[in-house]
Amino acid sequence: RRGSSEIIKGANERIDSLGNTVHGLGTA
């Protein structure tokens, strides 16, 4: 739904950023 849903599209960038933060902190 990432390309077609306005709800997910609007939140996707922030979710990706949080995902990188989560896995970065886990690796640390």
PDB file of all heavy atoms in Angstrom:
ATOM      1  N   ARG A   1       0.817  -1.229   0.000  1.00  0.00           N
ATOM      2  CA  ARG A   1       0.000   0.000   0.000  1.00  0.00           C
ATOM      3  C   ARG A   1       0.845   1.270   0.000  1.00  0.00           C
ATOM      4  O   ARG A   1       0.307   2.367  -0.049  1.00  0.00           O
ATOM      5  CB  ARG A   1      -0.889   0.034   1.249  1.00  0.00           C
ATOM      6  CG  ARG A   1      -2.286  -0.513   1.056  1.00  0.00           C
ATOM      7  CD  ARG A   1      -2.317  -1.985   0.832  1.00  0.00           C
ATOM      8  NE  ARG A   1      -3.667  -2.518   0.909  1.00  0.00           N
ATOM      9  CZ  ARG A   1      -3.978  -3.786   0.734  1.00  0.00           C
ATOM     10  NH1 ARG A   1      -3.005  -4.670   0.479  1.00  0.00           N
ATOM     11  NH2 ARG A   1      -5.228  -4.194   0.800  1.00  0.00           N
ATOM     12  N   ARG A   2       2.137   1.127   0.086  1.00  0.00           N
ATOM     13  CA  ARG A   2       2.993   2.302   0.275  1.00  0.00           C
ATOM     14  C   ARG A   2       2.862   3.311  -0.869  1.00  0.00           C
ATOM     15  O   ARG A   2       2.923   4.520  -0.646  1.00  0.00           O
ATOM     16  CB  ARG A   2       4.450   1.860   0.402  1.00  0.00           C
ATOM     17  CG  ARG A   2       5.393   2.983   0.805  1.00  0.00           C
ATOM     18  CD  ARG A   2       6.789   2.469   1.018  1.00  0.00           C
ATOM     19  NE  ARG A   2       7.363   1.913  -0.210  1.00  0.00           N
ATOM     20  CZ  ARG A   2       8.626   1.502  -0.310  1.00  0.00           C
ATOM     21  NH1 ARG A   2       9.426   1.544   0.746  1.00  0.00           N
ATOM     22  NH2 ARG A   2       9.076   1.013  -1.446  1.00  0.00           N
ATOM     23  N   GLY A   3       2.659   2.838  -2.077  1.00  0.00           N
ATOM     24  CA  GLY A   3       2.569   3.747  -3.207  1.00  0.00           C
ATOM     25  C   GLY A   3       1.184   4.306  -3.441  1.00  0.00           C
ATOM     26  O   GLY A   3       1.037   5.373  -4.046  1.00  0.00           O
ATOM     27  N   SER A   4       0.140   3.602  -2.974  1.00  0.00           N
ATOM     28  CA  SER A   4      -1.232   4.008  -3.290  1.00  0.00           C
ATOM     29  C   SER A   4      -1.971   4.647  -2.114  1.00  0.00           C
ATOM     30  O   SER A   4      -2.919   5.408  -2.326  1.00  0.00           O
ATOM     31  CB  SER A   4      -2.036   2.797  -3.772  1.00  0.00           C
ATOM     32  OG  SER A   4      -2.039   1.770  -2.780  1.00  0.00           O
ATOM     33  N   SER A   5      -1.570   4.359  -0.900  1.00  0.00           N
ATOM     34  CA  SER A   5      -2.273   4.866   0.280  1.00  0.00           C
ATOM     35  C   SER A   5      -1.661   6.174   0.761  1.00  0.00           C
ATOM     36  O   SER A   5      -0.456   6.243   1.030  1.00  0.00           O
ATOM     37  CB  SER A   5      -2.221   3.822   1.405  1.00  0.00           C
ATOM     38  OG  SER A   5      -2.637   4.396   2.626  1.00  0.00           O
ATOM     39  N   GLU A   6      -2.490   7.203   0.886  1.00  0.00           N
ATOM     40  CA  GLU A   6      -2.009   8.481   1.400  1.00  0.00           C
ATOM     41  C   GLU A   6      -1.640   8.366   2.874  1.00  0.00           C
ATOM     42  O   GLU A   6      -0.733   9.052   3.350  1.00  0.00           O
ATOM     43  CB  GLU A   6      -3.086   9.561   1.209  1.00  0.00           C
ATOM     44  CG  GLU A   6      -3.361   9.913  -0.240  1.00  0.00           C
ATOM     45  CD  GLU A   6      -2.131  10.477  -0.931  1.00  0.00           C
ATOM     46  OE1 GLU A   6      -1.348  11.195  -0.272  1.00  0.00           O
ATOM     47  OE2 GLU A   6      -1.948  10.205  -2.137  1.00  0.00           O
ATOM     48  N   ILE A   7      -2.335   7.505   3.604  1.00  0.00           N
ATOM     49  CA  ILE A   7      -2.057   7.329   5.038  1.00  0.00           C
ATOM     50  C   ILE A   7      -0.657   6.758   5.231  1.00  0.00           C
ATOM     51  O   ILE A   7       0.152   7.288   5.999  1.00  0.00           O
ATOM     52  CB  ILE A   7      -3.116   6.415   5.688  1.00  0.00           C
ATOM     53  CG1 ILE A   7      -4.496   7.071   5.633  1.00  0.00           C
ATOM     54  CG2 ILE A   7      -2.735   6.093   7.133  1.00  0.00           C
ATOM     55  CD1 ILE A   7      -5.622   6.182   6.135  1.00  0.00           C
ATOM     56  N   ILE A   8      -0.367   5.665   4.525  1.00  0.00           N
ATOM     57  CA  ILE A   8       0.944   5.020   4.662  1.00  0.00           C
ATOM     58  C   ILE A   8       2.034   5.860   4.002  1.00  0.00           C
ATOM     59  O   ILE A   8       3.147   5.967   4.535  1.00  0.00           O
ATOM     60  CB  ILE A   8       0.900   3.600   4.062  1.00  0.00           C
ATOM     61  CG1 ILE A   8      -0.005   2.715   4.935  1.00  0.00           C
ATOM     62  CG2 ILE A   8       2.290   3.008   3.947  1.00  0.00           C
ATOM     63  CD1 ILE A   8      -0.120   1.287   4.466  1.00  0.00           C
ATOM     64  N   LYS A   9       1.716   6.449   2.861  1.00  0.00           N
ATOM     65  CA  LYS A   9       2.715   7.260   2.160  1.00  0.00           C
ATOM     66  C   LYS A   9       3.181   8.420   3.039  1.00  0.00           C
ATOM     67  O   LYS A   9       4.374   8.752   3.056  1.00  0.00           O
ATOM     68  CB  LYS A   9       2.123   7.793   0.862  1.00  0.00           C
ATOM     69  CG  LYS A   9       3.136   8.478  -0.043  1.00  0.00           C
ATOM     70  CD  LYS A   9       2.459   9.091  -1.266  1.00  0.00           C
ATOM     71  CE  LYS A   9       1.777   8.027  -2.102  1.00  0.00           C
ATOM     72  NZ  LYS A   9       1.143   8.606  -3.328  1.00  0.00           N
ATOM     73  N   GLY A  10       2.251   9.041   3.769  1.00  0.00           N
ATOM     74  CA  GLY A  10       2.618  10.168   4.611  1.00  0.00           C
ATOM     75  C   GLY A  10       3.476   9.771   5.796  1.00  0.00           C
ATOM     76  O   GLY A  10       4.287  10.572   6.280  1.00  0.00           O
ATOM     77  N   ALA A  11       3.310   8.531   6.277  1.00  0.00           N
ATOM     78  CA  ALA A  11       4.057   8.087   7.458  1.00  0.00           C
ATOM     79  C   ALA A  11       5.300   7.291   7.121  1.00  0.00           C
ATOM     80  O   ALA A  11       6.140   7.060   7.997  1.00  0.00           O
ATOM     81  CB  ALA A  11       3.143   7.231   8.352  1.00  0.00           C
ATOM     82  N   ASN A  12       5.445   6.880   5.856  1.00  0.00           N
ATOM     83  CA  ASN A  12       6.491   5.922   5.503  1.00  0.00           C
ATOM     84  C   ASN A  12       7.896   6.446   5.755  1.00  0.00           C
ATOM     85  O   ASN A  12       8.767   5.712   6.253  1.00  0.00           O
ATOM     86  CB  ASN A  12       6.352   5.518   4.032  1.00  0.00           C
ATOM     87  CG  ASN A  12       7.283   4.390   3.661  1.00  0.00           C
ATOM     88  OD1 ASN A  12       7.099   3.251   4.079  1.00  0.00           O
ATOM     89  ND2 ASN A  12       8.307   4.702   2.891  1.00  0.00           N
ATOM     90  N   GLU A  13       8.148   7.721   5.417  1.00  0.00           N
ATOM     91  CA  GLU A  13       9.493   8.266   5.596  1.00  0.00           C
ATOM     92  C   GLU A  13       9.895   8.261   7.067  1.00  0.00           C
ATOM     93  O   GLU A  13      11.031   7.911   7.413  1.00  0.00           O
ATOM     94  CB  GLU A  13       9.574   9.682   5.033  1.00  0.00           C
ATOM     95  CG  GLU A  13      10.981  10.271   5.102  1.00  0.00           C
ATOM     96  CD  GLU A  13      11.078  11.635   4.444  1.00  0.00           C
ATOM     97  OE1 GLU A  13      10.080  12.074   3.826  1.00  0.00           O
ATOM     98  OE2 GLU A  13      12.153  12.270   4.547  1.00  0.00           O
ATOM     99  N   ARG A  14       8.954   8.650   7.926  1.00  0.00           N
ATOM    100  CA  ARG A  14       9.246   8.656   9.361  1.00  0.00           C
ATOM    101  C   ARG A  14       9.432   7.233   9.890  1.00  0.00           C
ATOM    102  O   ARG A  14      10.302   6.979  10.736  1.00  0.00           O
ATOM    103  CB  ARG A  14       8.123   9.357  10.122  1.00  0.00           C
ATOM    104  CG  ARG A  14       8.331   9.442  11.625  1.00  0.00           C
ATOM    105  CD  ARG A  14       9.654  10.081  11.951  1.00  0.00           C
ATOM    106  NE  ARG A  14       9.883  10.173  13.391  1.00  0.00           N
ATOM    107  CZ  ARG A  14      11.068  10.349  13.937  1.00  0.00           C
ATOM    108  NH1 ARG A  14      12.152  10.443  13.175  1.00  0.00           N
ATOM    109  NH2 ARG A  14      11.197  10.431  15.241  1.00  0.00           N
ATOM    110  N   ILE A  15       8.648   6.299   9.400  1.00  0.00           N
ATOM    111  CA  ILE A  15       8.775   4.904   9.817  1.00  0.00           C
ATOM    112  C   ILE A  15      10.125   4.342   9.392  1.00  0.00           C
ATOM    113  O   ILE A  15      10.796   3.637  10.163  1.00  0.00           O
ATOM    114  CB  ILE A  15       7.632   4.052   9.235  1.00  0.00           C
ATOM    115  CG1 ILE A  15       6.284   4.465   9.842  1.00  0.00           C
ATOM    116  CG2 ILE A  15       7.890   2.568   9.476  1.00  0.00           C
ATOM    117  CD1 ILE A  15       6.179   4.246  11.336  1.00  0.00           C
ATOM    118  N   ASP A  16      10.546   4.644   8.162  1.00  0.00           N
ATOM    119  CA  ASP A  16      11.862   4.189   7.695  1.00  0.00           C
ATOM    120  C   ASP A  16      12.972   4.756   8.571  1.00  0.00           C
ATOM    121  O   ASP A  16      13.936   4.055   8.910  1.00  0.00           O
ATOM    122  CB  ASP A  16      12.080   4.608   6.243  1.00  0.00           C
ATOM    123  CG  ASP A  16      11.410   3.673   5.256  1.00  0.00           C
ATOM    124  OD1 ASP A  16      10.949   2.599   5.690  1.00  0.00           O
ATOM    125  OD2 ASP A  16      11.322   4.011   4.065  1.00  0.00           O
ATOM    126  N   SER A  17      12.852   6.038   8.913  1.00  0.00           N
ATOM    127  CA  SER A  17      13.858   6.676   9.765  1.00  0.00           C
ATOM    128  C   SER A  17      13.900   6.018  11.141  1.00  0.00           C
ATOM    129  O   SER A  17      14.981   5.736  11.676  1.00  0.00           O
ATOM    130  CB  SER A  17      13.543   8.172   9.902  1.00  0.00           C
ATOM    131  OG  SER A  17      14.442   8.804  10.789  1.00  0.00           O
ATOM    132  N   LEU A  18      12.724   5.751  11.715  1.00  0.00           N
ATOM    133  CA  LEU A  18      12.668   5.088  13.016  1.00  0.00           C
ATOM    134  C   LEU A  18      13.214   3.664  12.931  1.00  0.00           C
ATOM    135  O   LEU A  18      13.883   3.192  13.859  1.00  0.00           O
ATOM    136  CB  LEU A  18      11.228   5.048  13.537  1.00  0.00           C
ATOM    137  CG  LEU A  18      10.709   6.304  14.237  1.00  0.00           C
ATOM    138  CD1 LEU A  18       9.237   6.142  14.587  1.00  0.00           C
ATOM    139  CD2 LEU A  18      11.520   6.593  15.498  1.00  0.00           C
ATOM    140  N   GLY A  19      12.928   2.982  11.815  1.00  0.00           N
ATOM    141  CA  GLY A  19      13.446   1.629  11.642  1.00  0.00           C
ATOM    142  C   GLY A  19      14.961   1.605  11.626  1.00  0.00           C
ATOM    143  O   GLY A  19      15.590   0.747  12.260  1.00  0.00           O
ATOM    144  N   ASN A  20      15.563   2.549  10.917  1.00  0.00           N
ATOM    145  CA  ASN A  20      17.023   2.636  10.905  1.00  0.00           C
ATOM    146  C   ASN A  20      17.565   2.956  12.291  1.00  0.00           C
ATOM    147  O   ASN A  20      18.611   2.440  12.697  1.00  0.00           O
ATOM    148  CB  ASN A  20      17.478   3.699   9.904  1.00  0.00           C
ATOM    149  CG  ASN A  20      17.302   3.263   8.466  1.00  0.00           C
ATOM    150  OD1 ASN A  20      17.498   2.100   8.135  1.00  0.00           O
ATOM    151  ND2 ASN A  20      16.912   4.182   7.604  1.00  0.00           N
ATOM    152  N   THR A  21      16.843   3.811  13.019  1.00  0.00           N
ATOM    153  CA  THR A  21      17.263   4.145  14.385  1.00  0.00           C
ATOM    154  C   THR A  21      17.192   2.932  15.293  1.00  0.00           C
ATOM    155  O   THR A  21      18.108   2.670  16.079  1.00  0.00           O
ATOM    156  CB  THR A  21      16.381   5.276  14.957  1.00  0.00           C
ATOM    157  OG1 THR A  21      16.476   6.429  14.120  1.00  0.00           O
ATOM    158  CG2 THR A  21      16.827   5.645  16.361  1.00  0.00           C
ATOM    159  N   VAL A  22      16.105   2.169  15.182  1.00  0.00           N
ATOM    160  CA  VAL A  22      15.934   0.969  16.009  1.00  0.00           C
ATOM    161  C   VAL A  22      17.070  -0.016  15.764  1.00  0.00           C
ATOM    162  O   VAL A  22      17.719  -0.492  16.711  1.00  0.00           O
ATOM    163  CB  VAL A  22      14.579   0.296  15.704  1.00  0.00           C
ATOM    164  CG1 VAL A  22      14.526  -1.113  16.297  1.00  0.00           C
ATOM    165  CG2 VAL A  22      13.442   1.127  16.275  1.00  0.00           C
ATOM    166  N   HIS A  23      17.328  -0.322  14.501  1.00  0.00           N
ATOM    167  CA  HIS A  23      18.350  -1.319  14.198  1.00  0.00           C
ATOM    168  C   HIS A  23      19.755  -0.780  14.462  1.00  0.00           C
ATOM    169  O   HIS A  23      20.658  -1.546  14.828  1.00  0.00           O
ATOM    170  CB  HIS A  23      18.206  -1.788  12.754  1.00  0.00           C
ATOM    171  CG  HIS A  23      16.908  -2.483  12.492  1.00  0.00           C
ATOM    172  ND1 HIS A  23      16.455  -3.540  13.267  1.00  0.00           N
ATOM    173  CD2 HIS A  23      15.937  -2.277  11.554  1.00  0.00           C
ATOM    174  CE1 HIS A  23      15.283  -3.945  12.825  1.00  0.00           C
ATOM    175  NE2 HIS A  23      14.943  -3.200  11.784  1.00  0.00           N
ATOM    176  N   GLY A  24      19.942   0.520  14.297  1.00  0.00           N
ATOM    177  CA  GLY A  24      21.233   1.111  14.643  1.00  0.00           C
ATOM    178  C   GLY A  24      21.504   1.030  16.135  1.00  0.00           C
ATOM    179  O   GLY A  24      22.612   0.672  16.560  1.00  0.00           O
ATOM    180  N   LEU A  25      20.483   1.334  16.941  1.00  0.00           N
ATOM    181  CA  LEU A  25      20.646   1.240  18.396  1.00  0.00           C
ATOM    182  C   LEU A  25      20.831  -0.211  18.834  1.00  0.00           C
ATOM    183  O   LEU A  25      21.592  -0.503  19.758  1.00  0.00           O
ATOM    184  CB  LEU A  25      19.433   1.848  19.099  1.00  0.00           C
ATOM    185  CG  LEU A  25      19.302   3.372  19.028  1.00  0.00           C
ATOM    186  CD1 LEU A  25      17.993   3.823  19.674  1.00  0.00           C
ATOM    187  CD2 LEU A  25      20.480   4.048  19.720  1.00  0.00           C
ATOM    188  N   GLY A  26      20.122  -1.131  18.173  1.00  0.00           N
ATOM    189  CA  GLY A  26      20.299  -2.542  18.495  1.00  0.00           C
ATOM    190  C   GLY A  26      21.701  -3.023  18.185  1.00  0.00           C
ATOM    191  O   GLY A  26      22.302  -3.770  18.972  1.00  0.00           O
ATOM    192  N   THR A  27      22.236  -2.592  17.051  1.00  0.00           N
ATOM    193  CA  THR A  27      23.612  -2.947  16.692  1.00  0.00           C
ATOM    194  C   THR A  27      24.596  -2.345  17.682  1.00  0.00           C
ATOM    195  O   THR A  27      25.584  -2.989  18.071  1.00  0.00           O
ATOM    196  CB  THR A  27      23.925  -2.462  15.271  1.00  0.00           C
ATOM    197  OG1 THR A  27      22.961  -3.015  14.362  1.00  0.00           O
ATOM    198  CG2 THR A  27      25.315  -2.897  14.841  1.00  0.00           C
ATOM    199  N   ALA A  28      24.347  -1.100  18.109  1.00  0.00           N
ATOM    200  CA  ALA A  28      25.209  -0.464  19.112  1.00  0.00           C
ATOM    201  C   ALA A  28      25.155  -1.217  20.438  1.00  0.00           C
ATOM    202  O   ALA A  28      26.161  -1.307  21.152  1.00  0.00           O
ATOM    203  CB  ALA A  28      24.796   0.993  19.307  1.00  0.00           C
TER     204      ALA A  28
END
